């Protein structure tokens, strides 16, 4: 009888130990995205409000870069470009914002949810070893990076907005309104004939910036968001992006 009780206790202890380990990590990016350009480590982490988000980490060291995706899309869109940035000596984290990809929806969205997501991701990247974190967003992600920056303040080292719209009202992402409140360095990258952020819009964004280190880099054509890193402007776009990231991290 005593032996049976001992076995039962050990089994219960083993069950408890297993449950404390939490859920398995998200699927490997090679499986989920169709390919992978680095040895990514997938992970779950919490937004600042406790919402469970998914992400993938590549690289190491103190120079952190957080990537925010376009809409509708997910972290897979950033994978090849973020992998290239990691090869240049940066510690990168790509994530799904709430209600996108594998991330949970959370109790609320809008700017409140966006701030919680970015803050949670920045904290996670710092927990993983980064000391200074720049936020890079494409399109919707660029608007998110700018709109959330006033609430994050010195928690972030700089912002890159690639074709981030002036205002996405339905998501409460008022980037143009936020720009005068941002004091960290800002890099705006935009195509002159982009129908989401054209030459006039991009210059309006820059004119409203108060940061002493705000700059605009314009490209010919219509390439939007992360496509700036994919097509005819690839070499020049990477040059400006990497130079900026090195200067702020």
Protein backbone atom coordinates (compact mmCIF):
# COMPACT_ATOMS: atom_id res chain seq x y z
CA UNK A 1 0.00 0.00 0.00
CA UNK A 2 2.80 2.46 0.93
CA UNK A 3 4.55 1.66 -2.35
CA UNK A 4 1.39 2.41 -4.33
CA UNK A 5 0.98 5.73 -2.52
CA UNK A 6 4.60 6.63 -3.27
CA UNK A 7 4.13 5.87 -6.99
CA UNK A 8 0.98 8.00 -7.04
CA UNK A 9 2.79 10.91 -5.41
CA UNK A 10 5.63 10.67 -7.91
CA UNK A 11 3.21 10.58 -10.83
CA UNK A 12 1.39 13.64 -9.54
CA UNK A 13 4.68 15.46 -9.06
CA UNK A 14 5.69 14.61 -12.60
CA UNK A 15 2.37 15.90 -13.96
CA UNK A 16 2.77 19.15 -12.06
CA UNK A 17 6.29 19.59 -13.35
CA UNK A 18 5.17 19.09 -16.94
CA UNK A 19 2.32 21.59 -16.74
CA UNK A 20 4.59 24.28 -15.27
CA UNK A 21 6.67 24.28 -18.46
CA UNK A 22 3.91 26.05 -20.40
CA UNK A 23 2.87 25.51 -24.02
CA UNK A 24 5.34 24.46 -26.71
CA UNK A 25 6.87 27.25 -28.80
CA UNK A 26 5.15 28.35 -32.02
CA UNK A 27 5.95 26.41 -35.22
CA UNK A 28 9.36 26.84 -36.81
CA UNK A 29 9.44 29.66 -39.36
CA UNK A 30 10.63 27.36 -42.15
CA UNK A 31 7.40 25.40 -41.72
CA UNK A 32 5.12 28.34 -41.05
CA UNK A 33 6.49 30.82 -43.59
CA UNK A 34 7.54 28.34 -46.26
CA UNK A 35 11.22 29.19 -45.85
CA UNK A 36 13.64 30.72 -43.37
CA UNK A 37 16.83 32.69 -43.91
CA UNK A 38 18.32 32.10 -40.48
CA UNK A 39 18.23 29.89 -37.41
CA UNK A 40 15.21 31.58 -35.86
CA UNK A 41 14.01 30.73 -32.36
CA UNK A 42 10.23 31.00 -32.07
CA UNK A 43 8.70 32.05 -28.76
CA UNK A 44 5.64 33.22 -26.89
CA UNK A 45 5.76 36.38 -24.80
CA UNK A 46 3.30 38.73 -23.15
CA UNK A 47 2.26 42.19 -24.18
CA UNK A 48 2.33 44.73 -21.35
CA UNK A 49 -1.34 43.97 -20.61
CA UNK A 50 -0.74 40.21 -20.47
CA UNK A 51 -2.01 39.34 -23.97
CA UNK A 52 -0.08 36.41 -25.38
CA UNK A 53 1.87 37.26 -28.53
CA UNK A 54 4.13 35.17 -30.71
CA UNK A 55 7.47 36.09 -32.16
CA UNK A 56 10.81 34.87 -33.46
CA UNK A 57 14.32 35.89 -32.41
CA UNK A 58 17.52 35.91 -34.45
CA UNK A 59 21.01 37.14 -33.64
CA UNK A 60 22.38 38.29 -30.32
CA UNK A 61 24.06 41.20 -28.61
CA UNK A 62 23.10 44.64 -27.32
CA UNK A 63 21.86 46.19 -30.60
CA UNK A 64 18.17 45.33 -30.61
CA UNK A 65 15.70 45.80 -33.49
CA UNK A 66 11.98 45.08 -33.25
CA UNK A 67 10.06 44.64 -36.51
CA UNK A 68 6.33 45.40 -36.87
CA UNK A 69 4.48 43.95 -39.86
CA UNK A 70 2.14 45.30 -42.51
CA UNK A 71 -1.61 44.65 -42.64
CA UNK A 72 -3.00 42.28 -43.67
CA UNK A 73 0.09 40.21 -43.03
CA UNK A 74 2.12 38.70 -40.21
CA UNK A 75 5.71 38.27 -39.08
CA UNK A 76 6.54 36.08 -42.09
CA UNK A 77 6.58 39.19 -44.26
CA UNK A 78 9.56 40.56 -42.34
CA UNK A 79 11.46 37.26 -42.14
CA UNK A 80 13.89 37.59 -45.09
CA UNK A 81 14.62 41.28 -44.44
CA UNK A 82 15.01 40.97 -40.68
CA UNK A 83 17.32 38.00 -41.24
CA UNK A 84 19.51 40.23 -43.41
CA UNK A 85 19.59 42.87 -40.67
CA UNK A 86 20.59 40.21 -38.14
CA UNK A 87 23.51 39.24 -40.39
CA UNK A 88 24.75 42.82 -40.09
CA UNK A 89 25.25 42.39 -36.32
CA UNK A 90 21.82 43.13 -34.85
CA UNK A 91 19.67 41.22 -32.38
CA UNK A 92 16.25 41.10 -33.98
CA UNK A 93 12.72 40.17 -32.96
CA UNK A 94 9.83 39.86 -35.39
CA UNK A 95 6.34 39.61 -33.88
CA UNK A 96 2.68 39.27 -34.67
CA UNK A 97 0.71 42.20 -33.29
CA UNK A 98 -2.46 41.26 -31.42
CA UNK A 99 -5.18 39.64 -33.52
CA UNK A 100 -2.67 38.90 -36.31
CA UNK A 101 -0.95 35.61 -37.07
CA UNK A 102 -0.77 33.40 -33.99
CA UNK A 103 -1.06 36.21 -31.43
CA UNK A 104 -4.12 36.42 -29.23
CA UNK A 105 -6.71 39.14 -29.68
CA UNK A 106 -6.54 40.54 -26.15
CA UNK A 107 -9.17 42.45 -24.23
CA UNK A 108 -8.88 45.61 -26.31
CA UNK A 109 -7.30 46.91 -29.51
CA UNK A 110 -6.68 50.40 -30.85
CA UNK A 111 -3.83 52.52 -29.60
CA UNK A 112 -4.06 51.05 -26.11
CA UNK A 113 -3.49 47.54 -27.43
CA UNK A 114 -0.75 48.72 -29.80
CA UNK A 115 1.20 50.38 -26.98
CA UNK A 116 0.89 47.23 -24.88
CA UNK A 117 2.17 45.09 -27.76
CA UNK A 118 5.18 47.25 -28.59
CA UNK A 119 6.13 47.77 -24.96
CA UNK A 120 5.88 44.04 -24.26
CA UNK A 121 8.01 43.22 -27.31
CA UNK A 122 10.66 45.81 -26.42
CA UNK A 123 10.81 44.43 -22.88
CA UNK A 124 11.11 40.89 -24.22
CA UNK A 125 13.99 41.78 -26.54
CA UNK A 126 15.78 43.48 -23.66
CA UNK A 127 15.18 40.43 -21.49
CA UNK A 128 16.83 38.38 -24.24
CA UNK A 129 19.97 40.53 -24.06
CA UNK A 130 19.45 43.69 -26.10
CA UNK A 131 20.37 46.94 -24.37
CA UNK A 132 18.95 49.50 -26.81
CA UNK A 133 16.00 48.73 -29.08
CA UNK A 134 14.97 50.47 -32.28
CA UNK A 135 11.50 49.84 -33.71
CA UNK A 136 11.11 49.29 -37.46
CA UNK A 137 7.64 49.17 -38.98
CA UNK A 138 6.34 48.75 -42.53
CA UNK A 139 3.05 50.37 -43.59
CA UNK A 140 0.60 49.52 -40.76
CA UNK A 141 3.63 48.61 -38.64
CA UNK A 142 5.24 51.96 -39.41
CA UNK A 143 2.13 53.83 -38.34
CA UNK A 144 2.07 51.66 -35.20
CA UNK A 145 5.71 52.48 -34.41
CA UNK A 146 5.10 56.23 -34.72
CA UNK A 147 1.72 56.31 -32.98
CA UNK A 148 2.96 54.37 -29.94
CA UNK A 149 6.31 56.16 -29.57
CA UNK A 150 5.11 59.05 -27.35
CA UNK A 151 3.95 56.53 -24.73
CA UNK A 152 7.21 54.60 -24.89
CA UNK A 153 9.56 57.58 -24.63
CA UNK A 154 13.13 56.59 -23.82
CA UNK A 155 12.21 52.89 -23.68
CA UNK A 156 13.06 52.85 -27.38
CA UNK A 157 16.20 54.16 -29.10
CA UNK A 158 14.76 55.17 -32.47
CA UNK A 159 12.05 54.56 -35.05
CA UNK A 160 12.06 53.61 -38.71
CA UNK A 161 8.76 54.01 -40.54
CA UNK A 162 8.71 52.50 -44.00
CA UNK A 163 5.62 53.89 -45.76
CA UNK A 164 3.70 54.22 -42.49
CA UNK A 165 0.44 56.09 -43.19
CA UNK A 166 -0.32 59.49 -41.65
CA UNK A 167 -3.48 58.22 -40.00
CA UNK A 168 -5.23 54.86 -39.74
CA UNK A 169 -8.35 56.01 -37.96
CA UNK A 170 -10.06 52.64 -37.66
CA UNK A 171 -7.10 51.34 -35.64
CA UNK A 172 -6.61 54.60 -33.69
CA UNK A 173 -3.12 54.92 -35.14
CA UNK A 174 -2.67 58.68 -35.55
CA UNK A 175 0.95 58.81 -36.66
CA UNK A 176 0.99 62.42 -37.85
CA UNK A 177 -0.53 63.59 -34.58
CA UNK A 178 2.10 61.61 -32.63
CA UNK A 179 5.17 62.85 -34.51
CA UNK A 180 5.43 66.23 -32.68
CA UNK A 181 5.60 64.30 -29.40
CA UNK A 182 8.47 62.00 -30.41
CA UNK A 183 11.94 62.96 -29.19
CA UNK A 184 13.95 59.89 -30.26
CA UNK A 185 15.54 59.75 -33.74
CA UNK A 186 13.16 59.04 -36.63
CA UNK A 187 13.85 57.72 -40.11
CA UNK A 188 11.00 57.91 -42.63
CA UNK A 189 11.46 55.88 -45.81
CA UNK A 190 8.91 56.40 -48.59
CA UNK A 191 8.33 56.21 -52.33
CA UNK A 192 7.32 59.41 -54.07
CA UNK A 193 4.30 57.86 -55.78
CA UNK A 194 3.19 55.47 -53.05
CA UNK A 195 -0.60 55.72 -52.90
CA UNK A 196 -0.57 55.18 -49.12
CA UNK A 197 2.19 57.66 -48.27
CA UNK A 198 3.17 59.79 -51.23
CA UNK A 199 5.86 62.47 -51.45
CA UNK A 200 3.63 65.22 -50.00
CA UNK A 201 2.49 63.06 -47.08
CA UNK A 202 6.04 62.00 -46.23
CA UNK A 203 7.26 65.59 -46.24
CA UNK A 204 4.30 66.64 -44.08
CA UNK A 205 5.36 63.96 -41.59
CA UNK A 206 8.92 65.28 -41.54
CA UNK A 207 7.83 68.92 -41.19
CA UNK A 208 5.81 68.05 -38.09
CA UNK A 209 8.68 66.20 -36.41
CA UNK A 210 10.40 67.91 -33.49
CA UNK A 211 13.15 65.34 -33.03
CA UNK A 212 16.53 66.88 -33.87
CA UNK A 213 17.39 63.64 -35.63
CA UNK A 214 14.38 63.23 -37.91
CA UNK A 215 15.14 62.46 -41.55
CA UNK A 216 13.31 61.48 -44.72
CA UNK A 217 14.70 59.24 -47.45
CA UNK A 218 12.64 59.24 -50.66
CA UNK A 219 12.66 56.72 -53.49
CA UNK A 220 11.32 56.92 -57.03
CA UNK A 221 8.35 54.79 -57.96
CA UNK A 222 5.58 53.14 -55.95
CA UNK A 223 7.31 50.51 -53.78
CA UNK A 224 5.52 50.25 -50.45
CA UNK A 225 6.65 49.09 -47.00
CA UNK A 226 9.14 46.25 -46.93
CA UNK A 227 9.09 46.14 -50.74
CA UNK A 228 11.65 48.96 -50.53
CA UNK A 229 14.09 46.28 -49.38
CA UNK A 230 13.12 43.83 -52.09
CA UNK A 231 13.21 45.46 -55.49
CA UNK A 232 15.03 48.18 -57.41
CA UNK A 233 15.90 50.29 -54.37
CA UNK A 234 17.19 47.39 -52.29
CA UNK A 235 20.85 48.39 -51.98
CA UNK A 236 20.17 52.04 -51.17
CA UNK A 237 17.33 51.21 -48.78
CA UNK A 238 19.46 48.77 -46.79
CA UNK A 239 22.29 51.30 -46.68
CA UNK A 240 20.12 53.95 -45.04
CA UNK A 241 18.37 51.47 -42.74
CA UNK A 242 21.55 49.85 -41.42
CA UNK A 243 23.33 53.19 -41.01
CA UNK A 244 20.43 54.56 -38.98
CA UNK A 245 20.15 51.45 -36.80
CA UNK A 246 23.87 51.52 -36.03
CA UNK A 247 23.67 55.18 -35.08
CA UNK A 248 20.84 54.71 -32.54
CA UNK A 249 21.64 51.34 -31.02
